[in-house]
N, C-alpha and C. Protein backbone atom coordinates (compact mmCIF):
# COMPACT_ATOMS: atom_id res chain seq x y z
N MET A 1 -9.31 -2.32 -5.97
CA MET A 1 -8.41 -2.82 -4.96
C MET A 1 -9.12 -3.93 -4.15
N PRO A 2 -8.39 -4.97 -3.81
CA PRO A 2 -8.92 -6.11 -3.07
C PRO A 2 -9.01 -5.72 -1.61
N TYR A 3 -9.73 -6.56 -0.93
CA TYR A 3 -9.81 -6.36 0.62
C TYR A 3 -8.56 -7.15 1.24
N ILE A 4 -8.18 -6.72 2.53
CA ILE A 4 -7.17 -7.34 3.19
C ILE A 4 -7.62 -7.65 4.57
N ILE A 5 -7.00 -8.59 5.14
CA ILE A 5 -7.19 -8.97 6.65
C ILE A 5 -6.01 -8.47 7.41
N ALA A 6 -6.24 -7.67 8.57
CA ALA A 6 -5.14 -7.03 9.26
C ALA A 6 -4.93 -7.84 10.71
N GLU A 7 -4.20 -7.06 11.53
CA GLU A 7 -3.79 -7.61 12.68
C GLU A 7 -4.86 -8.14 13.89
N PRO A 8 -6.06 -7.56 13.84
CA PRO A 8 -7.06 -8.20 14.71
C PRO A 8 -7.40 -9.59 14.59
N CYS A 9 -7.04 -10.14 13.26
CA CYS A 9 -7.43 -11.61 13.02
C CYS A 9 -6.37 -12.50 13.59
N ILE A 10 -5.12 -12.03 14.02
CA ILE A 10 -4.11 -12.76 14.52
C ILE A 10 -4.69 -13.53 15.68
N ASN A 11 -4.54 -14.83 15.65
CA ASN A 11 -4.92 -15.85 16.76
C ASN A 11 -6.30 -15.88 17.03
N VAL A 12 -7.11 -15.24 16.04
CA VAL A 12 -8.62 -15.32 16.22
C VAL A 12 -9.16 -16.28 15.08
N LYS A 13 -8.80 -15.97 13.82
CA LYS A 13 -9.22 -16.79 12.81
C LYS A 13 -10.81 -17.09 12.73
N ASP A 14 -11.70 -16.17 13.06
CA ASP A 14 -13.02 -16.49 13.03
C ASP A 14 -13.47 -16.65 11.50
N ARG A 15 -14.13 -17.77 11.23
CA ARG A 15 -14.36 -18.15 9.78
C ARG A 15 -15.69 -17.49 9.23
N SER A 16 -16.34 -16.60 9.87
CA SER A 16 -17.61 -15.93 9.41
C SER A 16 -17.41 -15.41 8.09
N CYS A 17 -16.32 -14.89 7.95
CA CYS A 17 -15.95 -14.29 6.44
C CYS A 17 -15.72 -15.19 5.48
N VAL A 18 -15.17 -16.40 5.72
CA VAL A 18 -15.17 -17.51 4.75
C VAL A 18 -16.42 -18.07 4.27
N ASP A 19 -17.39 -18.03 5.13
CA ASP A 19 -18.70 -18.58 4.84
C ASP A 19 -19.45 -17.79 3.88
N VAL A 20 -19.29 -16.41 3.85
CA VAL A 20 -19.89 -15.45 3.02
C VAL A 20 -19.17 -15.10 1.58
N CYS A 21 -17.88 -15.52 1.63
CA CYS A 21 -17.14 -15.13 0.36
C CYS A 21 -17.57 -15.92 -0.81
N PRO A 22 -18.14 -15.24 -1.95
CA PRO A 22 -18.66 -15.93 -2.99
C PRO A 22 -17.62 -16.61 -3.96
N VAL A 23 -16.26 -16.16 -3.75
CA VAL A 23 -15.29 -16.67 -4.67
C VAL A 23 -14.26 -17.60 -3.94
N ASP A 24 -14.37 -17.77 -2.58
CA ASP A 24 -13.48 -18.59 -1.84
C ASP A 24 -12.10 -18.02 -1.98
N CYS A 25 -11.86 -16.80 -1.56
CA CYS A 25 -10.50 -16.23 -1.94
C CYS A 25 -9.92 -16.08 -0.50
N ILE A 26 -10.42 -16.59 0.71
CA ILE A 26 -9.89 -16.52 1.97
C ILE A 26 -9.29 -17.75 2.46
N TYR A 27 -8.16 -17.64 2.83
CA TYR A 27 -7.16 -18.79 3.07
C TYR A 27 -6.83 -18.75 4.53
N GLU A 28 -6.36 -19.97 5.22
CA GLU A 28 -6.02 -20.09 6.50
C GLU A 28 -4.59 -20.16 6.80
N GLY A 29 -3.88 -19.25 7.21
CA GLY A 29 -2.42 -19.34 7.60
C GLY A 29 -2.32 -19.85 8.97
N GLU A 30 -0.93 -19.94 9.33
CA GLU A 30 -0.78 -20.41 10.77
C GLU A 30 -1.39 -19.73 11.82
N ASP A 31 -1.43 -18.27 11.75
CA ASP A 31 -1.76 -17.58 12.84
C ASP A 31 -2.95 -16.56 12.49
N MET A 32 -3.38 -16.49 11.23
CA MET A 32 -4.53 -15.59 10.78
C MET A 32 -5.00 -16.09 9.49
N LEU A 33 -6.08 -15.53 9.07
CA LEU A 33 -6.75 -15.74 7.71
C LEU A 33 -6.05 -14.59 6.67
N TYR A 34 -6.13 -15.01 5.56
CA TYR A 34 -5.52 -14.07 4.36
C TYR A 34 -6.54 -14.04 3.15
N ILE A 35 -6.64 -12.88 2.59
CA ILE A 35 -7.39 -12.69 1.29
C ILE A 35 -6.34 -12.75 0.22
N HIS A 36 -6.60 -13.69 -0.81
CA HIS A 36 -5.75 -13.69 -1.95
C HIS A 36 -6.04 -12.44 -2.91
N PRO A 37 -5.27 -11.56 -3.01
CA PRO A 37 -5.50 -10.40 -3.78
C PRO A 37 -5.81 -10.58 -5.29
N ASP A 38 -5.30 -11.54 -5.93
CA ASP A 38 -5.64 -11.93 -7.24
C ASP A 38 -7.05 -12.61 -7.44
N GLU A 39 -7.64 -13.11 -6.34
CA GLU A 39 -8.83 -13.82 -6.43
C GLU A 39 -9.96 -13.06 -5.78
N CYS A 40 -9.75 -12.02 -5.14
CA CYS A 40 -10.74 -11.13 -4.48
C CYS A 40 -11.50 -10.31 -5.55
N ILE A 41 -12.86 -10.34 -5.54
CA ILE A 41 -13.59 -9.56 -6.56
C ILE A 41 -14.24 -8.17 -5.84
N ASP A 42 -13.52 -7.91 -4.78
CA ASP A 42 -14.02 -6.53 -4.11
C ASP A 42 -15.54 -6.45 -3.85
N CYS A 43 -16.02 -7.60 -3.48
CA CYS A 43 -17.49 -7.64 -3.33
C CYS A 43 -17.94 -6.93 -1.99
N GLY A 44 -17.10 -7.17 -0.91
CA GLY A 44 -17.24 -6.57 0.37
C GLY A 44 -18.07 -7.38 1.25
N ALA A 45 -18.52 -8.57 0.86
CA ALA A 45 -19.37 -9.37 1.64
C ALA A 45 -18.69 -9.90 3.06
N CYS A 46 -17.24 -10.02 2.94
CA CYS A 46 -16.58 -10.35 4.17
C CYS A 46 -16.51 -9.40 5.31
N GLU A 47 -16.28 -8.22 4.83
CA GLU A 47 -16.04 -7.08 5.84
C GLU A 47 -17.10 -6.94 6.93
N PRO A 48 -18.40 -6.92 6.71
CA PRO A 48 -19.29 -6.64 7.80
C PRO A 48 -19.45 -8.07 8.71
N GLU A 49 -18.96 -9.15 8.18
CA GLU A 49 -19.03 -10.30 8.91
C GLU A 49 -17.99 -10.73 10.04
N CYS A 50 -16.91 -9.96 9.85
CA CYS A 50 -15.66 -10.08 10.65
C CYS A 50 -16.05 -9.42 12.05
N PRO A 51 -16.08 -10.23 13.17
CA PRO A 51 -16.38 -9.94 14.42
C PRO A 51 -15.31 -8.95 15.20
N VAL A 52 -14.13 -8.97 14.68
CA VAL A 52 -12.94 -8.27 15.29
C VAL A 52 -12.60 -7.12 14.41
N THR A 53 -13.40 -6.79 13.33
CA THR A 53 -13.01 -5.65 12.41
C THR A 53 -11.63 -5.70 11.97
N ALA A 54 -11.42 -6.78 11.19
CA ALA A 54 -9.97 -6.99 10.76
C ALA A 54 -9.86 -6.82 9.22
N ILE A 55 -11.02 -6.76 8.60
CA ILE A 55 -11.06 -6.79 7.15
C ILE A 55 -11.32 -5.26 6.49
N PHE A 56 -10.52 -4.85 5.53
CA PHE A 56 -10.60 -3.56 5.11
C PHE A 56 -10.28 -3.58 3.64
N PRO A 57 -10.95 -2.68 2.80
CA PRO A 57 -10.42 -2.48 1.39
C PRO A 57 -9.01 -1.94 1.54
N GLU A 58 -8.12 -2.37 0.70
CA GLU A 58 -6.71 -1.82 0.73
C GLU A 58 -6.58 -0.39 0.98
N GLU A 59 -7.28 0.41 0.16
CA GLU A 59 -7.26 1.88 0.18
C GLU A 59 -7.80 2.40 1.53
N ASP A 60 -8.62 1.71 2.37
CA ASP A 60 -9.06 2.11 3.70
C ASP A 60 -8.31 1.60 4.80
N CYS A 61 -7.32 0.77 4.62
CA CYS A 61 -6.56 0.09 5.68
C CYS A 61 -6.15 1.22 6.67
N PRO A 62 -6.33 1.04 7.96
CA PRO A 62 -5.70 1.98 8.98
C PRO A 62 -4.22 2.05 8.80
N PRO A 63 -3.62 3.20 9.04
CA PRO A 63 -2.25 3.39 8.92
C PRO A 63 -1.30 2.44 9.81
N GLN A 64 -1.75 2.07 10.90
CA GLN A 64 -0.95 1.26 11.79
C GLN A 64 -0.94 -0.29 11.13
N TRP A 65 -1.75 -0.55 10.27
CA TRP A 65 -1.94 -1.73 9.69
C TRP A 65 -1.48 -1.90 8.24
N LYS A 66 -0.91 -0.97 7.72
CA LYS A 66 -0.66 -0.94 6.15
C LYS A 66 0.25 -2.02 5.75
N SER A 67 1.13 -2.51 6.66
CA SER A 67 2.03 -3.56 6.34
C SER A 67 1.30 -4.86 5.97
N PHE A 68 0.01 -5.00 6.43
CA PHE A 68 -0.74 -6.22 6.24
C PHE A 68 -1.13 -6.33 4.66
N ILE A 69 -1.11 -5.11 3.92
CA ILE A 69 -1.43 -5.17 2.65
C ILE A 69 -0.47 -6.03 1.87
N ALA A 70 0.97 -5.84 2.09
CA ALA A 70 1.91 -6.60 1.50
C ALA A 70 1.83 -8.11 2.08
N LYS A 71 1.61 -8.09 3.40
CA LYS A 71 1.53 -9.56 4.03
C LYS A 71 0.53 -10.44 3.27
N ASN A 72 -0.76 -9.82 3.12
CA ASN A 72 -1.60 -10.64 2.32
C ASN A 72 -1.44 -11.04 0.92
N ARG A 73 -0.48 -10.21 0.19
CA ARG A 73 0.06 -10.62 -1.03
C ARG A 73 1.13 -11.55 -0.87
N ASP A 74 2.18 -11.10 -0.17
CA ASP A 74 3.35 -12.04 0.00
C ASP A 74 3.20 -13.47 0.32
N VAL A 75 2.36 -13.49 1.37
CA VAL A 75 2.18 -14.88 1.95
C VAL A 75 1.96 -16.01 0.87
N PHE A 76 1.21 -15.64 -0.31
CA PHE A 76 0.98 -16.55 -1.30
C PHE A 76 2.09 -16.77 -2.17
N ASN A 77 3.20 -16.05 -2.09
CA ASN A 77 4.38 -16.35 -2.86
C ASN A 77 5.44 -17.03 -2.13
N GLY A 78 5.26 -17.36 -0.87
CA GLY A 78 6.08 -17.98 -0.06
C GLY A 78 6.22 -19.50 -0.20
N PRO A 79 7.06 -20.15 0.49
CA PRO A 79 7.31 -21.65 0.43
C PRO A 79 6.06 -22.46 0.84
N ASN A 80 5.36 -21.85 1.78
CA ASN A 80 4.20 -22.53 2.45
C ASN A 80 3.03 -21.57 2.47
N PRO A 81 2.36 -21.50 1.25
CA PRO A 81 1.12 -20.59 1.10
C PRO A 81 0.03 -21.17 1.97
N PRO A 82 -0.84 -20.31 2.50
CA PRO A 82 -1.85 -20.86 3.38
C PRO A 82 -2.83 -21.54 2.46
N GLY A 83 -3.68 -22.51 3.20
CA GLY A 83 -4.58 -23.38 2.45
C GLY A 83 -6.04 -22.89 2.76
N LYS A 84 -6.91 -23.57 1.96
CA LYS A 84 -8.42 -23.26 2.10
C LYS A 84 -8.80 -23.62 3.56
N PRO A 85 -9.53 -22.77 4.25
CA PRO A 85 -10.05 -23.20 5.56
C PRO A 85 -11.44 -24.08 5.36
N GLN A 86 -11.77 -24.75 6.56
CA GLN A 86 -12.92 -25.58 6.31
C GLN A 86 -14.07 -24.49 6.68
N ARG A 87 -15.11 -24.67 5.75
CA ARG A 87 -16.28 -24.01 6.08
C ARG A 87 -17.21 -24.55 7.14
N LYS A 88 -18.03 -23.81 7.74
CA LYS A 88 -18.78 -24.30 8.82
C LYS A 88 -19.85 -25.36 8.15
N GLY A 89 -19.84 -26.36 8.84
CA GLY A 89 -20.89 -27.44 8.40
C GLY A 89 -20.30 -28.22 7.40
N ALA A 90 -18.98 -28.19 6.95
CA ALA A 90 -18.39 -28.93 5.90
C ALA A 90 -17.62 -30.12 6.54
């Protein structure tokens, strides 16, 4: 199961997770970051780097944020999918 980014990331978009992702599967949307479920390799490197505790394995997502599982998947199928964020120092 891939990791997902949930509500605590909204309007924060700290990019610490982007810097440690070995497969560049984290994208920047208008109000938050998203993990592409087909690209995530379940390594878990991003989870401890998130300063607002917004990243969870799908199966461990808190009940109040379960809707973000679909949101992380569906955002990539919409007309304006999120793009790659800039890495620090890039």
